[in-house]
Amino acid sequence: MSTPHVVVVMGVAGTGKTTIGPLLAAALGVPYAEGDDFHPPANIAKMSAGTPLEDADRWPWLDAIGQWAHGRAGLGGVVSSSALKRVYRDRLRGEAPGAVFLHLTGERSLIEERMADRKGHFMPTALLDSQFATLQPLEDDEAGVAVDVSGTPEEITHRAVAALRRLDS
């Protein structure tokens, strides 16, 4: 890509944001920030207990991610964030207007299977339905691309890089 973008890797839990994000950052030669690390402890406790976050819980988290992305403007970077609703993405763009979104998409059954296989993550499979119910896919006026998560992490990353390059041209 000609100008390094800040890419927000988004999608429901279990799509591979934490796996694809670092691979994408390495492929683009930019730093990666794990979106979960921006959550305050109260959010982690709530999700660990199987309670979905409310918008009021998300605002400080989104602002922290947006501030990181703003600091990377013109330098490039990759950060993960579920960014499930348009209003969340708008809030991120408010902090980092040049951010582009990589929406990792996939069949619910594949995502649930991957969630069940991961160890030590605070997000229980029980919250997957609420994630899908909340999800508002990227709209035509939003800078971003959608990439299917079937295949290996390397295949997904390759598709993501290609899609982002097409977006850039």
C-alpha atoms as a PDB file:
ATOM      1  CA  MET A   1       0.000   0.000   0.000  1.00  0.00           C
ATOM      2  CA  SER A   2       1.298   3.445  -0.898  1.00  0.00           C
ATOM      3  CA  THR A   3       0.424   5.300   2.317  1.00  0.00           C
ATOM      4  CA  PRO A   4       0.465   3.205   5.472  1.00  0.00           C
ATOM      5  CA  HIS A   5      -3.067   2.923   6.797  1.00  0.00           C
ATOM      6  CA  VAL A   6      -4.202   2.138  10.273  1.00  0.00           C
ATOM      7  CA  VAL A   7      -6.246  -1.027   9.783  1.00  0.00           C
ATOM      8  CA  VAL A   8      -8.864  -1.996  12.342  1.00  0.00           C
ATOM      9  CA  VAL A   9      -9.412  -5.763  12.194  1.00  0.00           C
ATOM     10  CA  MET A  10     -13.069  -6.204  13.150  1.00  0.00           C
ATOM     11  CA  GLY A  11     -15.644  -8.957  13.495  1.00  0.00           C
ATOM     12  CA  VAL A  12     -17.473 -11.068  16.007  1.00  0.00           C
ATOM     13  CA  ALA A  13     -15.569 -13.010  18.645  1.00  0.00           C
ATOM     14  CA  GLY A  14     -13.810 -16.051  17.246  1.00  0.00           C
ATOM     15  CA  THR A  15     -13.214 -14.762  13.710  1.00  0.00           C
ATOM     16  CA  GLY A  16      -9.481 -14.629  14.328  1.00  0.00           C
ATOM     17  CA  LYS A  17      -8.790 -10.957  14.964  1.00  0.00           C
ATOM     18  CA  THR A  18      -5.985 -11.809  17.404  1.00  0.00           C
ATOM     19  CA  THR A  19      -4.485 -14.339  14.976  1.00  0.00           C
ATOM     20  CA  ILE A  20      -4.867 -12.387  11.731  1.00  0.00           C
ATOM     21  CA  GLY A  21      -3.999  -8.975  13.191  1.00  0.00           C
ATOM     22  CA  PRO A  22      -0.329  -9.732  13.934  1.00  0.00           C
ATOM     23  CA  LEU A  23       0.074 -11.627  10.649  1.00  0.00           C
ATOM     24  CA  LEU A  24      -1.400  -8.705   8.732  1.00  0.00           C
ATOM     25  CA  ALA A  25       0.798  -6.227  10.605  1.00  0.00           C
ATOM     26  CA  ALA A  26       3.882  -8.295   9.756  1.00  0.00           C
ATOM     27  CA  ALA A  27       2.859  -8.498   6.089  1.00  0.00           C
ATOM     28  CA  LEU A  28       2.378  -4.717   5.980  1.00  0.00           C
ATOM     29  CA  GLY A  29       5.501  -3.971   8.042  1.00  0.00           C
ATOM     30  CA  VAL A  30       3.636  -2.027  10.740  1.00  0.00           C
ATOM     31  CA  PRO A  31       3.021  -2.540  14.487  1.00  0.00           C
ATOM     32  CA  TYR A  32       0.090  -4.467  15.916  1.00  0.00           C
ATOM     33  CA  ALA A  33      -1.988  -3.594  18.978  1.00  0.00           C
ATOM     34  CA  GLU A  34      -4.337  -6.136  20.588  1.00  0.00           C
ATOM     35  CA  GLY A  35      -7.721  -4.502  21.089  1.00  0.00           C
ATOM     36  CA  ASP A  36      -8.543  -6.643  24.119  1.00  0.00           C
ATOM     37  CA  ASP A  37      -5.623  -4.992  25.936  1.00  0.00           C
ATOM     38  CA  PHE A  38      -7.498  -1.671  25.826  1.00  0.00           C
ATOM     39  CA  HIS A  39     -10.466  -3.036  27.832  1.00  0.00           C
ATOM     40  CA  PRO A  40     -10.750  -1.820  31.414  1.00  0.00           C
ATOM     41  CA  PRO A  41     -10.783  -4.635  34.022  1.00  0.00           C
ATOM     42  CA  ALA A  42     -14.532  -4.163  34.611  1.00  0.00           C
ATOM     43  CA  ASN A  43     -15.252  -5.044  30.972  1.00  0.00           C
ATOM     44  CA  ILE A  44     -13.137  -8.204  31.162  1.00  0.00           C
ATOM     45  CA  ALA A  45     -14.936  -9.256  34.362  1.00  0.00           C
ATOM     46  CA  LYS A  46     -18.335  -8.637  32.788  1.00  0.00           C
ATOM     47  CA  MET A  47     -17.573 -10.651  29.644  1.00  0.00           C
ATOM     48  CA  SER A  48     -15.887 -13.425  31.649  1.00  0.00           C
ATOM     49  CA  ALA A  49     -19.150 -13.771  33.580  1.00  0.00           C
ATOM     50  CA  GLY A  50     -21.033 -14.187  30.287  1.00  0.00           C
ATOM     51  CA  THR A  51     -22.618 -10.730  30.396  1.00  0.00           C
ATOM     52  CA  PRO A  52     -22.577  -8.765  27.124  1.00  0.00           C
ATOM     53  CA  LEU A  53     -21.122  -5.274  27.287  1.00  0.00           C
ATOM     54  CA  GLU A  54     -23.407  -2.287  26.973  1.00  0.00           C
ATOM     55  CA  ASP A  55     -22.535   0.769  24.899  1.00  0.00           C
ATOM     56  CA  ALA A  56     -21.546   2.700  28.033  1.00  0.00           C
ATOM     57  CA  ASP A  57     -18.963  -0.031  28.728  1.00  0.00           C
ATOM     58  CA  ARG A  58     -17.555   0.236  25.219  1.00  0.00           C
ATOM     59  CA  TRP A  59     -17.017   4.010  24.901  1.00  0.00           C
ATOM     60  CA  PRO A  60     -13.795   4.237  26.979  1.00  0.00           C
ATOM     61  CA  TRP A  61     -12.470   1.109  25.247  1.00  0.00           C
ATOM     62  CA  LEU A  62     -13.206   2.459  21.773  1.00  0.00           C
ATOM     63  CA  ASP A  63     -11.715   5.839  22.682  1.00  0.00           C
ATOM     64  CA  ALA A  64      -8.486   4.173  23.838  1.00  0.00           C
ATOM     65  CA  ILE A  65      -8.235   2.184  20.598  1.00  0.00           C
ATOM     66  CA  GLY A  66      -9.017   5.310  18.589  1.00  0.00           C
ATOM     67  CA  GLN A  67      -6.293   7.247  20.396  1.00  0.00           C
ATOM     68  CA  TRP A  68      -3.762   4.527  19.584  1.00  0.00           C
ATOM     69  CA  ALA A  69      -4.880   4.576  15.932  1.00  0.00           C
ATOM     70  CA  HIS A  70      -4.666   8.383  15.857  1.00  0.00           C
ATOM     71  CA  GLY A  71      -1.093   8.172  17.097  1.00  0.00           C
ATOM     72  CA  ARG A  72      -0.258   5.854  14.178  1.00  0.00           C
ATOM     73  CA  ALA A  73      -1.816   8.106  11.492  1.00  0.00           C
ATOM     74  CA  GLY A  74       0.535   8.356   8.516  1.00  0.00           C
ATOM     75  CA  LEU A  75       2.758   5.657  10.017  1.00  0.00           C
ATOM     76  CA  GLY A  76       0.418   2.690   9.702  1.00  0.00           C
ATOM     77  CA  GLY A  77      -0.610   0.075  12.174  1.00  0.00           C
ATOM     78  CA  VAL A  78      -3.028  -2.750  12.786  1.00  0.00           C
ATOM     79  CA  VAL A  79      -5.339  -2.945  15.784  1.00  0.00           C
ATOM     80  CA  SER A  80      -8.117  -5.377  16.606  1.00  0.00           C
ATOM     81  CA  SER A  81     -11.574  -4.300  17.743  1.00  0.00           C
ATOM     82  CA  SER A  82     -14.880  -6.063  17.319  1.00  0.00           C
ATOM     83  CA  ALA A  83     -16.337  -2.732  16.045  1.00  0.00           C
ATOM     84  CA  LEU A  84     -19.643  -4.532  15.577  1.00  0.00           C
ATOM     85  CA  LYS A  85     -21.888  -1.475  15.200  1.00  0.00           C
ATOM     86  CA  ARG A  86     -21.634   1.431  12.789  1.00  0.00           C
ATOM     87  CA  VAL A  87     -21.704   3.837  15.749  1.00  0.00           C
ATOM     88  CA  TYR A  88     -18.607   2.104  17.196  1.00  0.00           C
ATOM     89  CA  ARG A  89     -16.755   2.443  13.901  1.00  0.00           C
ATOM     90  CA  ASP A  90     -17.868   6.078  13.662  1.00  0.00           C
ATOM     91  CA  ARG A  91     -16.435   6.659  17.147  1.00  0.00           C
ATOM     92  CA  LEU A  92     -13.124   5.073  16.102  1.00  0.00           C
ATOM     93  CA  ARG A  93     -13.069   7.203  12.934  1.00  0.00           C
ATOM     94  CA  GLY A  94     -13.754  10.258  15.105  1.00  0.00           C
ATOM     95  CA  GLU A  95     -10.382   9.658  16.772  1.00  0.00           C
ATOM     96  CA  ALA A  96      -8.615   8.281  13.669  1.00  0.00           C
ATOM     97  CA  PRO A  97     -10.348   9.588  10.509  1.00  0.00           C
ATOM     98  CA  GLY A  98      -8.066   7.711   8.105  1.00  0.00           C
ATOM     99  CA  ALA A  99      -8.629   4.269   9.633  1.00  0.00           C
ATOM    100  CA  VAL A 100      -9.796   1.480   7.343  1.00  0.00           C
ATOM    101  CA  PHE A 101     -11.637  -1.626   8.489  1.00  0.00           C
ATOM    102  CA  LEU A 102     -10.934  -5.261   7.708  1.00  0.00           C
ATOM    103  CA  HIS A 103     -14.120  -7.155   8.548  1.00  0.00           C
ATOM    104  CA  LEU A 104     -13.396 -10.829   9.172  1.00  0.00           C
ATOM    105  CA  THR A 105     -16.532 -12.760   8.238  1.00  0.00           C
ATOM    106  CA  GLY A 106     -17.532 -16.399   8.325  1.00  0.00           C
ATOM    107  CA  GLU A 107     -20.159 -19.003   8.941  1.00  0.00           C
ATOM    108  CA  ARG A 108     -21.410 -19.097  12.518  1.00  0.00           C
ATOM    109  CA  SER A 109     -20.681 -22.837  12.809  1.00  0.00           C
ATOM    110  CA  LEU A 110     -17.004 -22.345  11.842  1.00  0.00           C
ATOM    111  CA  ILE A 111     -16.596 -19.445  14.261  1.00  0.00           C
ATOM    112  CA  GLU A 112     -18.246 -21.355  17.111  1.00  0.00           C
ATOM    113  CA  GLU A 113     -15.975 -24.338  16.465  1.00  0.00           C
ATOM    114  CA  ARG A 114     -12.889 -22.114  16.583  1.00  0.00           C
ATOM    115  CA  MET A 115     -14.094 -20.438  19.790  1.00  0.00           C
ATOM    116  CA  ALA A 116     -14.615 -23.819  21.428  1.00  0.00           C
ATOM    117  CA  ASP A 117     -11.046 -24.820  20.525  1.00  0.00           C
ATOM    118  CA  ARG A 118      -9.301 -21.779  21.995  1.00  0.00           C
ATOM    119  CA  LYS A 119      -7.950 -21.881  25.501  1.00  0.00           C
ATOM    120  CA  GLY A 120      -7.769 -19.198  28.176  1.00  0.00           C
ATOM    121  CA  HIS A 121      -9.868 -16.514  26.474  1.00  0.00           C
ATOM    122  CA  PHE A 122     -12.383 -14.535  28.520  1.00  0.00           C
ATOM    123  CA  MET A 123     -15.119 -14.510  25.845  1.00  0.00           C
ATOM    124  CA  PRO A 124     -17.416 -17.520  26.269  1.00  0.00           C
ATOM    125  CA  THR A 125     -19.098 -19.176  23.278  1.00  0.00           C
ATOM    126  CA  ALA A 126     -22.437 -18.313  24.930  1.00  0.00           C
ATOM    127  CA  LEU A 127     -21.961 -14.666  23.898  1.00  0.00           C
ATOM    128  CA  LEU A 128     -21.614 -15.501  20.196  1.00  0.00           C
ATOM    129  CA  ASP A 129     -25.359 -15.098  19.560  1.00  0.00           C
ATOM    130  CA  SER A 130     -25.330 -11.603  21.077  1.00  0.00           C
ATOM    131  CA  GLN A 131     -22.306 -10.745  18.916  1.00  0.00           C
ATOM    132  CA  PHE A 132     -24.095 -11.798  15.716  1.00  0.00           C
ATOM    133  CA  ALA A 133     -27.269  -9.994  16.822  1.00  0.00           C
ATOM    134  CA  THR A 134     -25.266  -6.792  17.358  1.00  0.00           C
ATOM    135  CA  LEU A 135     -23.187  -7.018  14.152  1.00  0.00           C
ATOM    136  CA  GLN A 136     -23.806  -4.351  11.532  1.00  0.00           C
ATOM    137  CA  PRO A 137     -21.601  -5.164   8.514  1.00  0.00           C
ATOM    138  CA  LEU A 138     -19.575  -2.431   6.844  1.00  0.00           C
ATOM    139  CA  GLU A 139     -21.676  -0.096   4.738  1.00  0.00           C
ATOM    140  CA  ASP A 140     -20.762   1.135   1.258  1.00  0.00           C
ATOM    141  CA  ASP A 141     -19.671   4.545   2.549  1.00  0.00           C
ATOM    142  CA  GLU A 142     -17.208   3.053   5.061  1.00  0.00           C
ATOM    143  CA  ALA A 143     -13.569   2.594   4.111  1.00  0.00           C
ATOM    144  CA  GLY A 144     -12.951  -1.094   4.444  1.00  0.00           C
ATOM    145  CA  VAL A 145     -13.162  -4.607   3.084  1.00  0.00           C
ATOM    146  CA  ALA A 146     -14.676  -7.913   4.171  1.00  0.00           C
ATOM    147  CA  VAL A 147     -12.635 -11.119   4.068  1.00  0.00           C
ATOM    148  CA  ASP A 148     -13.898 -14.641   4.701  1.00  0.00           C
ATOM    149  CA  VAL A 149     -12.162 -16.528   7.518  1.00  0.00           C
ATOM    150  CA  SER A 150     -12.260 -19.988   6.006  1.00  0.00           C
ATOM    151  CA  GLY A 151      -8.845 -21.524   5.430  1.00  0.00           C
ATOM    152  CA  THR A 152      -5.536 -21.163   7.199  1.00  0.00           C
ATOM    153  CA  PRO A 153      -4.430 -17.960   8.917  1.00  0.00           C
ATOM    154  CA  GLU A 154      -1.878 -17.470   6.150  1.00  0.00           C
ATOM    155  CA  GLU A 155      -4.559 -17.798   3.439  1.00  0.00           C
ATOM    156  CA  ILE A 156      -6.826 -15.345   5.255  1.00  0.00           C
ATOM    157  CA  THR A 157      -3.948 -12.877   5.658  1.00  0.00           C
ATOM    158  CA  HIS A 158      -3.060 -13.164   1.966  1.00  0.00           C
ATOM    159  CA  ARG A 159      -6.693 -12.416   1.015  1.00  0.00           C
ATOM    160  CA  ALA A 160      -6.745  -9.499   3.453  1.00  0.00           C
ATOM    161  CA  VAL A 161      -3.575  -7.934   2.042  1.00  0.00           C
ATOM    162  CA  ALA A 162      -4.908  -8.320  -1.510  1.00  0.00           C
ATOM    163  CA  ALA A 163      -8.273  -6.792  -0.570  1.00  0.00           C
ATOM    164  CA  LEU A 164      -6.616  -3.847   1.190  1.00  0.00           C
ATOM    165  CA  ARG A 165      -4.384  -3.231  -1.831  1.00  0.00           C
ATOM    166  CA  ARG A 166      -7.456  -3.191  -4.079  1.00  0.00           C
ATOM    167  CA  LEU A 167      -9.070  -0.703  -1.708  1.00  0.00           C
ATOM    168  CA  ASP A 168      -5.960   1.467  -1.972  1.00  0.00           C
ATOM    169  CA  SER A 169      -5.967   1.561  -5.781  1.00  0.00           C
END
